[in-house]
Amino acid sequence: MDRSVRPWLRPNVKDPMTDEDRDPLHASPEEERDIAENGALTAVSVYGIIHEEGIEELARPLSSLWWSGVAAGLAITASVVAEGVLHGIFNDHPYRPAIENLGYTVGFVIVILGRFQLFTENTLTVILPLLVKRSGTMLLAIARLWAIVLLANFVGTFLAMGFALWGGAIPMDHIDGMLAVSRHLAEKTPMESFTHGVPAGFYVAALVWMLPSARGAPVLVIVIMTYLIAAGDFTHVIAGSGELFLLWMAGELPAGQVAALLLPTLAGNILGGTGLFALLAYGQVAGEIER
């Protein structure tokens, strides 16, 4: 077995495939290249790609993580803005909720394609290296990244909502729409915030897992998965923080309730992204990769 071609396979895993099994068509080099470029990635390949991304993220300087996290927080509030705008435009439309939920996808497209640091993406990306190499050093590096990125994301959403409401950056008609689409979070109990956060964490992790295979259609994958979060009324801790901060700034929600809703949502997102999806992703390739 050629380890240069399949570097993630365990050296002691016997490959049952013969050369004849691999190339029954006796394809030319050009045809083999076409097949490789257009074929689907294997689970091990996807795992390897995300593992390497996680290693790179863990090695980034603190300042890079911080400013990238702040940028992600600022950008993710585009979801709230877009929802608020669509809410106002389609105010009397019978399918207004389905239409305005499309706005929720905007911030995620900006953040993910912009390669900004979004906390919920890292519930999968930086966990995969830990599952391969379990050590206290790796665990501390993950805790460091999580703490920095989470705080930076919150700072970004807070600044964006403050500038929108107090700085006059967003017309009041759109602010009214943003407040209207944000109130659904305030109506949830802490337990609902937690339980509804689990699917959101799982779907964001699934989105990260799918992107290496998306190739020419990453926007479509991002839109589909994040639209599902909005349409299902699931809770996302970073996008949701923008909505809750806006309600607090408008005097509609006390600070204590903001924290009481954000913390369970955070726990649910971590459980869905790390406790469920990351472990499942690792489980399907554990017998094929080196540790």
C-alpha atoms as a PDB file:
ATOM      1  CA  MET A   1       0.000   0.000   0.000  1.00  0.00           C
ATOM      2  CA  ASP A   2       1.404   3.398  -0.988  1.00  0.00           C
ATOM      3  CA  ARG A   3       1.475   5.615   2.115  1.00  0.00           C
ATOM      4  CA  SER A   4       2.186   8.693   0.000  1.00  0.00           C
ATOM      5  CA  VAL A   5      -1.188   8.252  -1.690  1.00  0.00           C
ATOM      6  CA  ARG A   6      -3.139   7.305   1.411  1.00  0.00           C
ATOM      7  CA  PRO A   7      -1.147   8.878   4.266  1.00  0.00           C
ATOM      8  CA  TRP A   8      -3.958   8.726   6.812  1.00  0.00           C
ATOM      9  CA  LEU A   9      -4.303   4.957   6.712  1.00  0.00           C
ATOM     10  CA  ARG A  10      -2.794   2.958   9.531  1.00  0.00           C
ATOM     11  CA  PRO A  11       0.383   1.216   8.394  1.00  0.00           C
ATOM     12  CA  ASN A  12      -0.874  -2.114   9.726  1.00  0.00           C
ATOM     13  CA  VAL A  13      -4.241  -1.977   7.974  1.00  0.00           C
ATOM     14  CA  LYS A  14      -4.239  -4.558   5.223  1.00  0.00           C
ATOM     15  CA  ASP A  15      -5.469  -3.207   1.915  1.00  0.00           C
ATOM     16  CA  PRO A  16      -7.587  -5.936   0.227  1.00  0.00           C
ATOM     17  CA  MET A  17      -7.526  -4.178  -3.150  1.00  0.00           C
ATOM     18  CA  THR A  18      -5.131  -5.385  -5.851  1.00  0.00           C
ATOM     19  CA  ASP A  19      -3.801  -3.210  -8.664  1.00  0.00           C
ATOM     20  CA  GLU A  20      -6.204  -4.947 -11.032  1.00  0.00           C
ATOM     21  CA  ASP A  21      -9.124  -4.186  -8.703  1.00  0.00           C
ATOM     22  CA  ARG A  22      -8.127  -0.518  -8.599  1.00  0.00           C
ATOM     23  CA  ASP A  23      -7.846  -0.018 -12.335  1.00  0.00           C
ATOM     24  CA  PRO A  24     -10.003  -2.539 -14.190  1.00  0.00           C
ATOM     25  CA  LEU A  25     -10.427   0.010 -16.996  1.00  0.00           C
ATOM     26  CA  HIS A  26      -6.647   0.441 -17.514  1.00  0.00           C
ATOM     27  CA  ALA A  27      -7.220   4.201 -17.696  1.00  0.00           C
ATOM     28  CA  SER A  28      -4.614   6.498 -19.209  1.00  0.00           C
ATOM     29  CA  PRO A  29      -2.812   9.017 -16.941  1.00  0.00           C
ATOM     30  CA  GLU A  30      -5.057  11.801 -18.246  1.00  0.00           C
ATOM     31  CA  GLU A  31      -8.170   9.747 -17.555  1.00  0.00           C
ATOM     32  CA  GLU A  32      -6.928   8.831 -14.071  1.00  0.00           C
ATOM     33  CA  ARG A  33      -6.392  12.517 -13.355  1.00  0.00           C
ATOM     34  CA  ASP A  34      -9.938  13.329 -14.501  1.00  0.00           C
ATOM     35  CA  ILE A  35     -11.323  10.578 -12.274  1.00  0.00           C
ATOM     36  CA  ALA A  36      -9.337  11.822  -9.266  1.00  0.00           C
ATOM     37  CA  GLU A  37     -10.400  15.434  -9.804  1.00  0.00           C
ATOM     38  CA  ASN A  38     -14.084  14.628 -10.220  1.00  0.00           C
ATOM     39  CA  GLY A  39     -14.470  11.763  -7.782  1.00  0.00           C
ATOM     40  CA  ALA A  40     -15.952  12.202  -4.310  1.00  0.00           C
ATOM     41  CA  LEU A  41     -13.627  12.655  -1.356  1.00  0.00           C
ATOM     42  CA  THR A  42     -13.446   9.741   1.049  1.00  0.00           C
ATOM     43  CA  ALA A  43     -14.323  10.159   4.728  1.00  0.00           C
ATOM     44  CA  VAL A  44     -10.630   9.795   5.609  1.00  0.00           C
ATOM     45  CA  SER A  45      -9.696  12.512   3.108  1.00  0.00           C
ATOM     46  CA  VAL A  46     -12.282  14.899   4.551  1.00  0.00           C
ATOM     47  CA  TYR A  47     -11.086  14.099   8.059  1.00  0.00           C
ATOM     48  CA  GLY A  48      -7.502  14.794   7.003  1.00  0.00           C
ATOM     49  CA  ILE A  49      -8.378  18.141   5.429  1.00  0.00           C
ATOM     50  CA  ILE A  50     -10.265  19.376   8.493  1.00  0.00           C
ATOM     51  CA  HIS A  51      -7.585  17.972  10.833  1.00  0.00           C
ATOM     52  CA  GLU A  52      -4.922  20.027   9.066  1.00  0.00           C
ATOM     53  CA  GLU A  53      -7.113  23.137   9.212  1.00  0.00           C
ATOM     54  CA  GLY A  54      -7.523  22.567  12.945  1.00  0.00           C
ATOM     55  CA  ILE A  55      -3.760  22.291  13.471  1.00  0.00           C
ATOM     56  CA  GLU A  56      -3.236  25.547  11.570  1.00  0.00           C
ATOM     57  CA  GLU A  57      -5.887  27.334  13.646  1.00  0.00           C
ATOM     58  CA  LEU A  58      -4.361  26.144  16.931  1.00  0.00           C
ATOM     59  CA  ALA A  59      -0.957  27.480  15.868  1.00  0.00           C
ATOM     60  CA  ARG A  60      -2.184  30.991  14.992  1.00  0.00           C
ATOM     61  CA  PRO A  61      -1.032  33.961  17.137  1.00  0.00           C
ATOM     62  CA  LEU A  62      -3.404  35.308  19.773  1.00  0.00           C
ATOM     63  CA  SER A  63      -3.758  38.639  17.979  1.00  0.00           C
ATOM     64  CA  SER A  64      -4.764  36.918  14.735  1.00  0.00           C
ATOM     65  CA  LEU A  65      -7.390  34.822  16.509  1.00  0.00           C
ATOM     66  CA  TRP A  66      -8.732  37.872  18.331  1.00  0.00           C
ATOM     67  CA  TRP A  67      -9.164  40.180  15.357  1.00  0.00           C
ATOM     68  CA  SER A  68     -10.488  37.389  13.155  1.00  0.00           C
ATOM     69  CA  GLY A  69     -13.012  36.579  15.892  1.00  0.00           C
ATOM     70  CA  VAL A  70     -14.083  40.208  16.206  1.00  0.00           C
ATOM     71  CA  ALA A  71     -14.504  40.375  12.418  1.00  0.00           C
ATOM     72  CA  ALA A  72     -16.663  37.246  12.552  1.00  0.00           C
ATOM     73  CA  GLY A  73     -18.859  38.788  15.239  1.00  0.00           C
ATOM     74  CA  LEU A  74     -19.284  41.963  13.214  1.00  0.00           C
ATOM     75  CA  ALA A  75     -20.028  40.037  10.022  1.00  0.00           C
ATOM     76  CA  ILE A  76     -22.470  37.518  11.505  1.00  0.00           C
ATOM     77  CA  THR A  77     -24.817  40.367  12.449  1.00  0.00           C
ATOM     78  CA  ALA A  78     -25.488  40.746   8.729  1.00  0.00           C
ATOM     79  CA  SER A  79     -27.867  37.842   9.309  1.00  0.00           C
ATOM     80  CA  VAL A  80     -29.946  39.923  11.729  1.00  0.00           C
ATOM     81  CA  VAL A  81     -29.837  42.949   9.428  1.00  0.00           C
ATOM     82  CA  ALA A  82     -30.894  40.916   6.379  1.00  0.00           C
ATOM     83  CA  GLU A  83     -33.713  39.239   8.299  1.00  0.00           C
ATOM     84  CA  GLY A  84     -34.928  42.605   9.572  1.00  0.00           C
ATOM     85  CA  VAL A  85     -34.896  44.132   6.094  1.00  0.00           C
ATOM     86  CA  LEU A  86     -36.808  41.192   4.604  1.00  0.00           C
ATOM     87  CA  HIS A  87     -39.237  41.257   7.533  1.00  0.00           C
ATOM     88  CA  GLY A  88     -40.162  44.831   6.657  1.00  0.00           C
ATOM     89  CA  ILE A  89     -40.308  44.334   2.893  1.00  0.00           C
ATOM     90  CA  PHE A  90     -42.554  41.258   3.116  1.00  0.00           C
ATOM     91  CA  ASN A  91     -44.534  42.435   6.133  1.00  0.00           C
ATOM     92  CA  ASP A  92     -47.924  41.349   4.782  1.00  0.00           C
ATOM     93  CA  HIS A  93     -46.770  38.369   2.738  1.00  0.00           C
ATOM     94  CA  PRO A  94     -48.230  35.015   3.839  1.00  0.00           C
ATOM     95  CA  TYR A  95     -44.818  33.353   3.485  1.00  0.00           C
ATOM     96  CA  ARG A  96     -42.894  36.108   5.235  1.00  0.00           C
ATOM     97  CA  PRO A  97     -41.226  33.793   7.814  1.00  0.00           C
ATOM     98  CA  ALA A  98     -39.890  31.488   5.096  1.00  0.00           C
ATOM     99  CA  ILE A  99     -38.611  34.454   3.082  1.00  0.00           C
ATOM    100  CA  GLU A 100     -37.027  36.367   5.968  1.00  0.00           C
ATOM    101  CA  ASN A 101     -35.206  33.232   7.115  1.00  0.00           C
ATOM    102  CA  LEU A 102     -33.168  33.461   3.923  1.00  0.00           C
ATOM    103  CA  GLY A 103     -31.618  36.582   5.408  1.00  0.00           C
ATOM    104  CA  TYR A 104     -30.206  34.495   8.257  1.00  0.00           C
ATOM    105  CA  THR A 105     -27.838  32.805   5.824  1.00  0.00           C
ATOM    106  CA  VAL A 106     -26.132  36.053   4.750  1.00  0.00           C
ATOM    107  CA  GLY A 107     -23.897  36.489   7.787  1.00  0.00           C
ATOM    108  CA  PHE A 108     -22.729  32.886   7.659  1.00  0.00           C
ATOM    109  CA  VAL A 109     -21.793  33.193   3.988  1.00  0.00           C
ATOM    110  CA  ILE A 110     -19.674  36.263   4.786  1.00  0.00           C
ATOM    111  CA  VAL A 111     -18.009  34.688   7.817  1.00  0.00           C
ATOM    112  CA  ILE A 112     -17.251  31.266   6.353  1.00  0.00           C
ATOM    113  CA  LEU A 113     -16.100  32.386   2.909  1.00  0.00           C
ATOM    114  CA  GLY A 114     -14.192  35.247   4.539  1.00  0.00           C
ATOM    115  CA  ARG A 115     -12.341  32.672   6.674  1.00  0.00           C
ATOM    116  CA  PHE A 116     -13.140  34.542   9.892  1.00  0.00           C
ATOM    117  CA  GLN A 117     -13.019  32.785  13.251  1.00  0.00           C
ATOM    118  CA  LEU A 118     -16.532  31.665  14.224  1.00  0.00           C
ATOM    119  CA  PHE A 119     -16.735  29.821  17.537  1.00  0.00           C
ATOM    120  CA  THR A 120     -19.190  27.158  16.427  1.00  0.00           C
ATOM    121  CA  GLU A 121     -17.005  26.108  13.494  1.00  0.00           C
ATOM    122  CA  ASN A 122     -14.253  25.352  15.989  1.00  0.00           C
ATOM    123  CA  THR A 123     -16.431  22.925  17.910  1.00  0.00           C
ATOM    124  CA  LEU A 124     -15.397  20.521  15.136  1.00  0.00           C
ATOM    125  CA  THR A 125     -12.273  21.845  13.414  1.00  0.00           C
ATOM    126  CA  VAL A 126      -9.925  21.972  16.407  1.00  0.00           C
ATOM    127  CA  ILE A 127     -11.437  18.928  18.111  1.00  0.00           C
ATOM    128  CA  LEU A 128     -10.400  16.470  15.393  1.00  0.00           C
ATOM    129  CA  PRO A 129      -6.646  16.904  16.136  1.00  0.00           C
ATOM    130  CA  LEU A 130      -7.396  16.267  19.834  1.00  0.00           C
ATOM    131  CA  LEU A 131      -9.153  12.996  19.025  1.00  0.00           C
ATOM    132  CA  VAL A 132      -6.094  11.836  17.079  1.00  0.00           C
ATOM    133  CA  LYS A 133      -3.507  13.053  19.600  1.00  0.00           C
ATOM    134  CA  ARG A 134      -5.003  13.256  23.071  1.00  0.00           C
ATOM    135  CA  SER A 135      -2.792  15.308  25.361  1.00  0.00           C
ATOM    136  CA  GLY A 136      -3.029  18.007  27.988  1.00  0.00           C
ATOM    137  CA  THR A 137      -1.081  20.379  25.744  1.00  0.00           C
ATOM    138  CA  MET A 138      -3.592  19.954  22.939  1.00  0.00           C
ATOM    139  CA  LEU A 139      -6.491  20.402  25.348  1.00  0.00           C
ATOM    140  CA  LEU A 140      -5.021  23.652  26.689  1.00  0.00           C
ATOM    141  CA  ALA A 141      -4.463  24.934  23.157  1.00  0.00           C
ATOM    142  CA  ILE A 142      -8.126  24.267  22.329  1.00  0.00           C
ATOM    143  CA  ALA A 143      -9.309  25.960  25.539  1.00  0.00           C
ATOM    144  CA  ARG A 144      -7.147  28.982  24.661  1.00  0.00           C
ATOM    145  CA  LEU A 145      -8.581  29.226  21.156  1.00  0.00           C
ATOM    146  CA  TRP A 146     -12.178  28.716  22.306  1.00  0.00           C
ATOM    147  CA  ALA A 147     -11.928  31.392  25.005  1.00  0.00           C
ATOM    148  CA  ILE A 148     -10.358  33.977  22.702  1.00  0.00           C
ATOM    149  CA  VAL A 149     -12.668  33.353  19.756  1.00  0.00           C
ATOM    150  CA  LEU A 150     -15.852  33.225  21.830  1.00  0.00           C
ATOM    151  CA  LEU A 151     -15.081  36.507  23.599  1.00  0.00           C
ATOM    152  CA  ALA A 152     -14.010  38.136  20.328  1.00  0.00           C
ATOM    153  CA  ASN A 153     -17.220  36.997  18.614  1.00  0.00           C
ATOM    154  CA  PHE A 154     -19.302  38.516  21.430  1.00  0.00           C
ATOM    155  CA  VAL A 155     -17.350  41.783  21.247  1.00  0.00           C
ATOM    156  CA  GLY A 156     -17.973  41.898  17.493  1.00  0.00           C
ATOM    157  CA  THR A 157     -21.724  41.317  17.747  1.00  0.00           C
ATOM    158  CA  PHE A 158     -22.004  43.833  20.607  1.00  0.00           C
ATOM    159  CA  LEU A 159     -20.160  46.527  18.673  1.00  0.00           C
ATOM    160  CA  ALA A 160     -22.169  45.885  15.528  1.00  0.00           C
ATOM    161  CA  MET A 161     -25.519  46.090  17.319  1.00  0.00           C
ATOM    162  CA  GLY A 162     -24.439  49.190  19.251  1.00  0.00           C
ATOM    163  CA  PHE A 163     -23.384  50.935  16.050  1.00  0.00           C
ATOM    164  CA  ALA A 164     -26.634  49.904  14.354  1.00  0.00           C
ATOM    165  CA  LEU A 165     -28.906  51.154  17.146  1.00  0.00           C
ATOM    166  CA  TRP A 166     -26.989  53.994  18.816  1.00  0.00           C
ATOM    167  CA  GLY A 167     -24.790  55.048  15.932  1.00  0.00           C
ATOM    168  CA  GLY A 168     -27.620  55.403  13.440  1.00  0.00           C
ATOM    169  CA  ALA A 169     -25.946  53.056  10.940  1.00  0.00           C
ATOM    170  CA  ILE A 170     -29.223  51.254  10.206  1.00  0.00           C
ATOM    171  CA  PRO A 171     -32.487  53.091   9.342  1.00  0.00           C
ATOM    172  CA  MET A 172     -35.108  52.812  12.094  1.00  0.00           C
ATOM    173  CA  ASP A 173     -37.498  50.945   9.805  1.00  0.00           C
ATOM    174  CA  HIS A 174     -34.922  48.173   9.525  1.00  0.00           C
ATOM    175  CA  ILE A 175     -34.159  48.353  13.257  1.00  0.00           C
ATOM    176  CA  ASP A 176     -37.837  47.688  13.932  1.00  0.00           C
ATOM    177  CA  GLY A 177     -37.650  44.641  11.696  1.00  0.00           C
ATOM    178  CA  MET A 178     -34.459  43.451  13.408  1.00  0.00           C
ATOM    179  CA  LEU A 179     -36.126  43.756  16.805  1.00  0.00           C
ATOM    180  CA  ALA A 180     -39.159  41.871  15.547  1.00  0.00           C
ATOM    181  CA  VAL A 181     -37.140  38.898  14.291  1.00  0.00           C
ATOM    182  CA  SER A 182     -35.036  38.882  17.481  1.00  0.00           C
ATOM    183  CA  ARG A 183     -37.888  38.614  19.981  1.00  0.00           C
ATOM    184  CA  HIS A 184     -38.396  34.911  19.361  1.00  0.00           C
ATOM    185  CA  LEU A 185     -35.189  34.201  21.303  1.00  0.00           C
ATOM    186  CA  ALA A 186     -36.380  36.146  24.338  1.00  0.00           C
ATOM    187  CA  GLU A 187     -39.477  33.948  24.470  1.00  0.00           C
ATOM    188  CA  LYS A 188     -37.447  30.765  24.962  1.00  0.00           C
ATOM    189  CA  THR A 189     -36.678  29.270  28.345  1.00  0.00           C
ATOM    190  CA  PRO A 190     -33.038  28.457  29.230  1.00  0.00           C
ATOM    191  CA  MET A 191     -33.797  24.757  28.746  1.00  0.00           C
ATOM    192  CA  GLU A 192     -35.255  25.425  25.300  1.00  0.00           C
ATOM    193  CA  SER A 193     -32.186  27.500  24.439  1.00  0.00           C
ATOM    194  CA  PHE A 194     -30.036  24.500  25.356  1.00  0.00           C
ATOM    195  CA  THR A 195     -32.053  21.803  23.593  1.00  0.00           C
ATOM    196  CA  HIS A 196     -32.567  23.937  20.477  1.00  0.00           C
ATOM    197  CA  GLY A 197     -28.858  24.720  20.480  1.00  0.00           C
ATOM    198  CA  VAL A 198     -27.878  21.062  20.095  1.00  0.00           C
ATOM    199  CA  PRO A 199     -29.224  20.703  16.511  1.00  0.00           C
ATOM    200  CA  ALA A 200     -27.706  24.080  15.554  1.00  0.00           C
ATOM    201  CA  GLY A 201     -24.271  22.958  16.771  1.00  0.00           C
ATOM    202  CA  PHE A 202     -24.651  19.669  14.917  1.00  0.00           C
ATOM    203  CA  TYR A 203     -25.672  21.364  11.653  1.00  0.00           C
ATOM    204  CA  VAL A 204     -22.810  23.885  11.756  1.00  0.00           C
ATOM    205  CA  ALA A 205     -20.347  21.035  12.346  1.00  0.00           C
ATOM    206  CA  ALA A 206     -21.960  19.122   9.465  1.00  0.00           C
ATOM    207  CA  LEU A 207     -21.538  22.221   7.315  1.00  0.00           C
ATOM    208  CA  VAL A 208     -17.818  22.356   8.128  1.00  0.00           C
ATOM    209  CA  TRP A 209     -17.531  18.641   7.299  1.00  0.00           C
ATOM    210  CA  MET A 210     -19.293  19.103   3.955  1.00  0.00           C
ATOM    211  CA  LEU A 211     -17.343  22.118   2.701  1.00  0.00           C
ATOM    212  CA  PRO A 212     -14.270  20.199   1.451  1.00  0.00           C
ATOM    213  CA  SER A 213     -16.602  18.231  -0.833  1.00  0.00           C
ATOM    214  CA  ALA A 214     -18.601  21.289  -1.905  1.00  0.00           C
ATOM    215  CA  ARG A 215     -15.970  22.352  -4.465  1.00  0.00           C
ATOM    216  CA  GLY A 216     -17.702  24.865  -6.741  1.00  0.00           C
ATOM    217  CA  ALA A 217     -20.828  25.253  -4.617  1.00  0.00           C
ATOM    218  CA  PRO A 218     -19.819  26.272  -1.070  1.00  0.00           C
ATOM    219  CA  VAL A 219     -22.381  29.088  -0.981  1.00  0.00           C
ATOM    220  CA  LEU A 220     -25.210  26.657  -1.683  1.00  0.00           C
ATOM    221  CA  VAL A 221     -24.077  24.334   1.117  1.00  0.00           C
ATOM    222  CA  ILE A 222     -23.794  27.229   3.577  1.00  0.00           C
ATOM    223  CA  VAL A 223     -27.220  28.598   2.618  1.00  0.00           C
ATOM    224  CA  ILE A 224     -28.962  25.219   2.885  1.00  0.00           C
ATOM    225  CA  MET A 225     -27.558  24.318   6.298  1.00  0.00           C
ATOM    226  CA  THR A 226     -27.960  27.742   7.915  1.00  0.00           C
ATOM    227  CA  TYR A 227     -31.427  28.198   6.438  1.00  0.00           C
ATOM    228  CA  LEU A 228     -32.353  24.970   8.214  1.00  0.00           C
ATOM    229  CA  ILE A 229     -31.164  26.469  11.512  1.00  0.00           C
ATOM    230  CA  ALA A 230     -33.312  29.567  10.982  1.00  0.00           C
ATOM    231  CA  ALA A 231     -36.383  27.740   9.686  1.00  0.00           C
ATOM    232  CA  GLY A 232     -36.202  25.206  12.526  1.00  0.00           C
ATOM    233  CA  ASP A 233     -35.993  28.009  15.118  1.00  0.00           C
ATOM    234  CA  PHE A 234     -32.793  26.503  16.500  1.00  0.00           C
ATOM    235  CA  THR A 235     -30.413  28.613  18.582  1.00  0.00           C
ATOM    236  CA  HIS A 236     -26.919  29.671  17.534  1.00  0.00           C
ATOM    237  CA  VAL A 237     -24.862  31.314  20.265  1.00  0.00           C
ATOM    238  CA  ILE A 238     -23.047  33.896  18.117  1.00  0.00           C
ATOM    239  CA  ALA A 239     -25.847  34.931  15.755  1.00  0.00           C
ATOM    240  CA  GLY A 240     -28.202  34.794  18.730  1.00  0.00           C
ATOM    241  CA  SER A 241     -25.947  37.044  20.792  1.00  0.00           C
ATOM    242  CA  GLY A 242     -26.432  39.798  18.226  1.00  0.00           C
ATOM    243  CA  GLU A 243     -30.200  39.486  18.564  1.00  0.00           C
ATOM    244  CA  LEU A 244     -30.106  39.406  22.368  1.00  0.00           C
ATOM    245  CA  PHE A 245     -27.667  42.325  22.601  1.00  0.00           C
ATOM    246  CA  LEU A 246     -29.968  44.346  20.350  1.00  0.00           C
ATOM    247  CA  LEU A 247     -32.966  43.605  22.570  1.00  0.00           C
ATOM    248  CA  TRP A 248     -30.970  44.610  25.655  1.00  0.00           C
ATOM    249  CA  MET A 249     -29.788  47.852  24.059  1.00  0.00           C
ATOM    250  CA  ALA A 250     -33.380  48.659  23.106  1.00  0.00           C
ATOM    251  CA  GLY A 251     -34.465  48.155  26.717  1.00  0.00           C
ATOM    252  CA  GLU A 252     -36.575  45.089  25.979  1.00  0.00           C
ATOM    253  CA  LEU A 253     -34.436  42.535  27.823  1.00  0.00           C
ATOM    254  CA  PRO A 254     -32.457  42.689  31.102  1.00  0.00           C
ATOM    255  CA  ALA A 255     -28.770  41.795  31.025  1.00  0.00           C
ATOM    256  CA  GLY A 256     -29.350  38.841  33.328  1.00  0.00           C
ATOM    257  CA  GLN A 257     -31.756  37.241  30.880  1.00  0.00           C
ATOM    258  CA  VAL A 258     -29.276  37.741  28.036  1.00  0.00           C
ATOM    259  CA  ALA A 259     -26.718  35.693  29.972  1.00  0.00           C
ATOM    260  CA  ALA A 260     -29.358  33.171  31.059  1.00  0.00           C
ATOM    261  CA  LEU A 261     -30.158  32.457  27.392  1.00  0.00           C
ATOM    262  CA  LEU A 262     -26.666  32.647  25.911  1.00  0.00           C
ATOM    263  CA  LEU A 263     -24.972  30.218  28.311  1.00  0.00           C
ATOM    264  CA  PRO A 264     -27.405  27.302  27.688  1.00  0.00           C
ATOM    265  CA  THR A 265     -27.222  27.985  23.953  1.00  0.00           C
ATOM    266  CA  LEU A 266     -23.416  27.817  24.153  1.00  0.00           C
ATOM    267  CA  ALA A 267     -23.607  24.487  25.971  1.00  0.00           C
ATOM    268  CA  GLY A 268     -26.067  23.115  23.412  1.00  0.00           C
ATOM    269  CA  ASN A 269     -23.916  24.187  20.462  1.00  0.00           C
ATOM    270  CA  ILE A 270     -20.838  22.546  22.020  1.00  0.00           C
ATOM    271  CA  LEU A 271     -22.756  19.344  22.711  1.00  0.00           C
ATOM    272  CA  GLY A 272     -24.118  19.219  19.165  1.00  0.00           C
ATOM    273  CA  GLY A 273     -20.868  20.124  17.422  1.00  0.00           C
ATOM    274  CA  THR A 274     -18.300  18.388  19.614  1.00  0.00           C
ATOM    275  CA  GLY A 275     -20.193  15.845  21.680  1.00  0.00           C
ATOM    276  CA  LEU A 276     -22.199  14.473  18.781  1.00  0.00           C
ATOM    277  CA  PHE A 277     -20.876  15.345  15.323  1.00  0.00           C
ATOM    278  CA  ALA A 278     -17.128  15.379  16.052  1.00  0.00           C
ATOM    279  CA  LEU A 279     -17.269  12.021  17.812  1.00  0.00           C
ATOM    280  CA  LEU A 280     -19.368  10.514  15.028  1.00  0.00           C
ATOM    281  CA  ALA A 281     -16.985  11.901  12.397  1.00  0.00           C
ATOM    282  CA  TYR A 282     -14.044  10.402  14.259  1.00  0.00           C
ATOM    283  CA  GLY A 283     -15.829   7.093  14.799  1.00  0.00           C
ATOM    284  CA  GLN A 284     -16.331   6.465  11.093  1.00  0.00           C
ATOM    285  CA  VAL A 285     -12.595   6.761  10.347  1.00  0.00           C
ATOM    286  CA  ALA A 286     -10.998   5.692  13.658  1.00  0.00           C
ATOM    287  CA  GLY A 287      -9.995   2.294  12.307  1.00  0.00           C
ATOM    288  CA  GLU A 288      -8.259   3.790   9.265  1.00  0.00           C
ATOM    289  CA  ILE A 289      -6.141   6.624  10.654  1.00  0.00           C
ATOM    290  CA  GLU A 290      -2.921   6.756  12.607  1.00  0.00           C
ATOM    291  CA  ARG A 291      -2.898   7.858  16.233  1.00  0.00           C
END
